[in-house]
């Protein structure tokens, strides 16, 4: 065999060991004993009915449940109830809804030590809410509770078998009929023997099988234990019983109704007496309060009248205050309007003063006059330059006219004289 085969062969062995530990017969046997002891303690009525819990199944605390928190809470409630039954002291172990699981388990361990339980397992096993440790704790507490009630296990009592009376012999009976019946029975036995085995036991035939020999044979197991445990591990969770809730059964409702009726009948007389005494005390206290109130009112009449006068005066003063406050508000608003008008007038006067003392328009006019004077001087200079140029050009024009032809001299001299006159006129204008 190779190493791989050896490793592969170890895995089924490990799974088989885990299955054997999970479905250990000792755990189931302990849980069945616990359930029987709880029935002796009448836990269906004393524990299940008040808490509205269904009776536990045979595997309630031996196998993990679908909801571990609910299973753990049921375990804590059961331990608390058993401790109360064993010691008649509610403070031995009580479940507080605000405690975490670790605190509850520690309190339980202290209570078990006080009761003399030998703790040979870890605390984590109790925190699971199922398993061998949980069943052992419940079994121990059940024994303590039964011992507190004075219960003891006795030896079983077997009933004596009734003596069979022999029938009287009728000597006058017909012997012929008895002989016929005996022969018929012998024939039937022969037919049965022929059907079961055809051999002869006296001759030692191997194919002969007697009825008595077959009935006394040892039954041998033909199923592989490994296959049996594997199949049990596969279908085990499906075999859990689904018990109906106790609160939905009409019998439980009837029992609860009867218990409530008994409780009411037992408590009602005392409660009525207490209520009557309380009612008398209340009436007496009311009468005392009325008398005390009357005396206080008579003593405080003068103070009350003085208080009413002061209250009326305070009311008048408050009205005057409100009227004065309203007038002050109106005057304040009018003062605010006048202040706004005064501010506007001050701004207008300041603007007018600024415009009266402002010399900027005069400065602008003076600057404009200086600029105009400069322009006039420039134009005069240009006119003088142009007149001087024209005066210099006039002799030149005269010289040009004398050099023209004689035929056109008269016309030109005439035209030239006209031009000269015009030129002279222009120079005189300038």
Foldseek 3Di string as FASTA:
>chain_A
DDPVVVVVVVVLVVVLVVLCQLVPVVQLVLLQLLLVLVVVVVCVPVPCLVVQFDRADSCLAAHQDPDQVVLLVVLLSLLQVLLCLLPVDNVLADDDPPDDLVVNLVSSVVSCVVVPDDDPDDSVVSSRNHHDVSSVSSSVSSVSNCVSVVDDDDDDDDDDDDDDDDDDDDPPDDVVVVVVVVVVVVVVVVVVQCVQFVDDVVVPDPRRDDPVNVVPDDDDDPDDVSVVSVVCVVCVVVPDDDDDGLVPDVVSVVVVVVVVVVVCVVCVVVVVVVVVVVVVVVVVVVVVVVVVVVVVCVVCVVVVVVVVVVVVVVVVVVVVVVVVVVVVVVVVVVVVVVVVVVVVVVVVVVVVVCVVPDCPVVVVVVVVVVVVVVVVVVVVVVVVVVLVVLVVVVVVVVVVLVPDDPVCNVVVVVVVVVVVVVSVVVSVVD
